C-alpha atoms as a PDB file:
ATOM      1  CA  UNK A   1      48.462-168.249   4.807  1.00  0.00           C
ATOM      2  CA  UNK A   2      45.142-166.874   5.996  1.00  0.00           C
ATOM      3  CA  UNK A   3      43.408-163.949   4.311  1.00  0.00           C
ATOM      4  CA  UNK A   4      44.562-161.530   6.984  1.00  0.00           C
ATOM      5  CA  UNK A   5      48.189-162.526   6.423  1.00  0.00           C
ATOM      6  CA  UNK A   6      47.743-162.285   2.646  1.00  0.00           C
ATOM      7  CA  UNK A   7      46.296-158.763   2.907  1.00  0.00           C
ATOM      8  CA  UNK A   8      49.218-157.700   5.126  1.00  0.00           C
ATOM      9  CA  UNK A   9      51.596-159.208   2.567  1.00  0.00           C
ATOM     10  CA  UNK A  10      49.877-157.334  -0.299  1.00  0.00           C
ATOM     11  CA  UNK A  11      49.966-154.081   1.672  1.00  0.00           C
ATOM     12  CA  UNK A  12      53.663-154.565   2.431  1.00  0.00           C
ATOM     13  CA  UNK A  13      54.340-155.255  -1.264  1.00  0.00           C
ATOM     14  CA  UNK A  14      52.439-152.105  -2.291  1.00  0.00           C
ATOM     15  CA  UNK A  15      54.297-150.053   0.318  1.00  0.00           C
ATOM     16  CA  UNK A  16      57.631-151.434  -0.894  1.00  0.00           C
ATOM     17  CA  UNK A  17      56.771-150.623  -4.519  1.00  0.00           C
ATOM     18  CA  UNK A  18      55.824-147.073  -3.553  1.00  0.00           C
ATOM     19  CA  UNK A  19      58.982-146.706  -1.480  1.00  0.00           C
ATOM     20  CA  UNK A  20      61.082-148.015  -4.388  1.00  0.00           C
ATOM     21  CA  UNK A  21      59.518-145.439  -6.735  1.00  0.00           C
ATOM     22  CA  UNK A  22      60.197-142.644  -4.249  1.00  0.00           C
ATOM     23  CA  UNK A  23      63.805-143.790  -3.886  1.00  0.00           C
ATOM     24  CA  UNK A  24      64.210-143.890  -7.687  1.00  0.00           C
ATOM     25  CA  UNK A  25      63.008-140.292  -7.768  1.00  0.00           C
ATOM     26  CA  UNK A  26      65.493-139.294  -5.058  1.00  0.00           C
ATOM     27  CA  UNK A  27      68.319-141.031  -6.938  1.00  0.00           C
ATOM     28  CA  UNK A  28      67.367-139.304 -10.212  1.00  0.00           C
ATOM     29  CA  UNK A  29      67.226-135.917  -8.479  1.00  0.00           C
ATOM     30  CA  UNK A  30      70.595-136.516  -6.811  1.00  0.00           C
ATOM     31  CA  UNK A  31      72.155-137.530 -10.131  1.00  0.00           C
ATOM     32  CA  UNK A  32      70.773-134.370 -11.762  1.00  0.00           C
ATOM     33  CA  UNK A  33      72.228-132.269  -8.943  1.00  0.00           C
ATOM     34  CA  UNK A  34      75.595-133.991  -9.386  1.00  0.00           C
ATOM     35  CA  UNK A  35      75.566-133.080 -13.086  1.00  0.00           C
ATOM     36  CA  UNK A  36      74.680-129.489 -12.192  1.00  0.00           C
ATOM     37  CA  UNK A  37      77.526-129.358  -9.669  1.00  0.00           C
ATOM     38  CA  UNK A  38      79.957-130.717 -12.275  1.00  0.00           C
ATOM     39  CA  UNK A  39      78.843-128.059 -14.781  1.00  0.00           C
ATOM     40  CA  UNK A  40      79.157-125.351 -12.134  1.00  0.00           C
ATOM     41  CA  UNK A  41      82.668-126.511 -11.230  1.00  0.00           C
ATOM     42  CA  UNK A  42      83.686-126.445 -14.899  1.00  0.00           C
ATOM     43  CA  UNK A  43      82.582-122.806 -15.115  1.00  0.00           C
ATOM     44  CA  UNK A  44      84.344-121.920 -11.864  1.00  0.00           C
ATOM     45  CA  UNK A  45      87.545-123.584 -13.064  1.00  0.00           C
ATOM     46  CA  UNK A  46      87.296-121.728 -16.359  1.00  0.00           C
ATOM     47  CA  UNK A  47      87.320-118.431 -14.487  1.00  0.00           C
ATOM     48  CA  UNK A  48      89.741-119.321 -11.680  1.00  0.00           C
ATOM     49  CA  UNK A  49      92.316-120.979 -13.922  1.00  0.00           C
ATOM     50  CA  UNK A  50      91.987-119.114 -17.230  1.00  0.00           C
ATOM     51  CA  UNK A  51      94.265-120.145 -20.066  1.00  0.00           C
ATOM     52  CA  UNK A  52      93.708-116.888 -21.939  1.00  0.00           C
ATOM     53  CA  UNK A  53      92.279-113.442 -21.301  1.00  0.00           C
ATOM     54  CA  UNK A  54      89.068-113.246 -23.298  1.00  0.00           C
ATOM     55  CA  UNK A  55      86.639-110.352 -23.736  1.00  0.00           C
ATOM     56  CA  UNK A  56      83.971-112.371 -21.896  1.00  0.00           C
ATOM     57  CA  UNK A  57      86.290-112.912 -18.944  1.00  0.00           C
ATOM     58  CA  UNK A  58      87.154-109.220 -18.835  1.00  0.00           C
ATOM     59  CA  UNK A  59      83.499-108.180 -18.943  1.00  0.00           C
ATOM     60  CA  UNK A  60      82.703-110.626 -16.149  1.00  0.00           C
ATOM     61  CA  UNK A  61      85.425-109.498 -13.731  1.00  0.00           C
ATOM     62  CA  UNK A  62      86.566-105.994 -14.706  1.00  0.00           C
ATOM     63  CA  UNK A  63      84.336-102.949 -14.336  1.00  0.00           C
ATOM     64  CA  UNK A  64      86.751-100.482 -15.910  1.00  0.00           C
ATOM     65  CA  UNK A  65      90.415 -99.794 -16.630  1.00  0.00           C
ATOM     66  CA  UNK A  66      91.800 -96.280 -16.106  1.00  0.00           C
ATOM     67  CA  UNK A  67      95.063 -95.493 -17.909  1.00  0.00           C
ATOM     68  CA  UNK A  68      96.788 -92.382 -16.551  1.00  0.00           C
ATOM     69  CA  UNK A  69      99.096 -90.094 -18.506  1.00  0.00           C
ATOM     70  CA  UNK A  70     102.763 -91.164 -18.591  1.00  0.00           C
ATOM     71  CA  UNK A  71     105.125 -89.603 -16.050  1.00  0.00           C
ATOM     72  CA  UNK A  72     108.776 -88.903 -16.930  1.00  0.00           C
ATOM     73  CA  UNK A  73     109.627 -86.714 -13.924  1.00  0.00           C
ATOM     74  CA  UNK A  74     111.990 -89.316 -12.454  1.00  0.00           C
ATOM     75  CA  UNK A  75     113.908 -89.728 -15.701  1.00  0.00           C
ATOM     76  CA  UNK A  76     112.105 -92.989 -16.394  1.00  0.00           C
ATOM     77  CA  UNK A  77     108.779 -93.277 -18.134  1.00  0.00           C
ATOM     78  CA  UNK A  78     106.171 -94.717 -15.758  1.00  0.00           C
ATOM     79  CA  UNK A  79     102.474 -95.014 -16.314  1.00  0.00           C
ATOM     80  CA  UNK A  80      99.822 -95.818 -13.760  1.00  0.00           C
ATOM     81  CA  UNK A  81      97.007 -98.167 -14.721  1.00  0.00           C
ATOM     82  CA  UNK A  82      94.063 -98.687 -12.364  1.00  0.00           C
ATOM     83  CA  UNK A  83      91.944-101.807 -12.785  1.00  0.00           C
ATOM     84  CA  UNK A  84      88.527-101.586 -11.111  1.00  0.00           C
ATOM     85  CA  UNK A  85      87.133-105.079 -10.557  1.00  0.00           C
ATOM     86  CA  UNK A  86      83.428-105.862 -10.287  1.00  0.00           C
ATOM     87  CA  UNK A  87      82.253-106.463  -6.717  1.00  0.00           C
ATOM     88  CA  UNK A  88      85.699-105.702  -5.244  1.00  0.00           C
ATOM     89  CA  UNK A  89      86.667-102.234  -4.083  1.00  0.00           C
ATOM     90  CA  UNK A  90      89.771-100.722  -2.591  1.00  0.00           C
ATOM     91  CA  UNK A  91      92.516-102.845  -4.141  1.00  0.00           C
ATOM     92  CA  UNK A  92      95.460-100.729  -5.206  1.00  0.00           C
ATOM     93  CA  UNK A  93      98.165-102.484  -7.208  1.00  0.00           C
ATOM     94  CA  UNK A  94     100.079 -99.321  -8.090  1.00  0.00           C
ATOM     95  CA  UNK A  95     103.880 -99.265  -7.590  1.00  0.00           C
ATOM     96  CA  UNK A  96     103.609 -96.641  -4.857  1.00  0.00           C
ATOM     97  CA  UNK A  97     101.593 -99.026  -2.702  1.00  0.00           C
ATOM     98  CA  UNK A  98     103.197-102.359  -3.558  1.00  0.00           C
ATOM     99  CA  UNK A  99     106.788-103.184  -2.778  1.00  0.00           C
ATOM    100  CA  UNK A 100     106.442-106.303  -4.925  1.00  0.00           C
ATOM    101  CA  UNK A 101     105.572-104.532  -8.154  1.00  0.00           C
ATOM    102  CA  UNK A 102     108.138-104.050 -10.877  1.00  0.00           C
ATOM    103  CA  UNK A 103     108.605-100.793 -12.723  1.00  0.00           C
ATOM    104  CA  UNK A 104     109.637-100.776 -16.313  1.00  0.00           C
ATOM    105  CA  UNK A 105     111.751 -98.205 -18.049  1.00  0.00           C
ATOM    106  CA  UNK A 106     111.372 -97.160 -21.626  1.00  0.00           C
END
């Protein structure tokens, strides 16, 4: 191998080492992002599939709860409860507006 070929070989080796280091950095960054995504998905699952209603969950999703006075005018005691969710407006789950809701009698 002549000196010109040896220098080209050394340059190629140096370039390959630098490229390998850059790729290691990309792999490490990608692995860190994957861990972050997994942690994010755990939090999302915790809030989209809750196993219990906790104060933290309520504070996160519910702005306020308005409990109206009971009404006995129909002969049955009914009571309207309005739940105001954070970031969501205009949802009315009251019996007057939902044919799927159940009314209870006391």
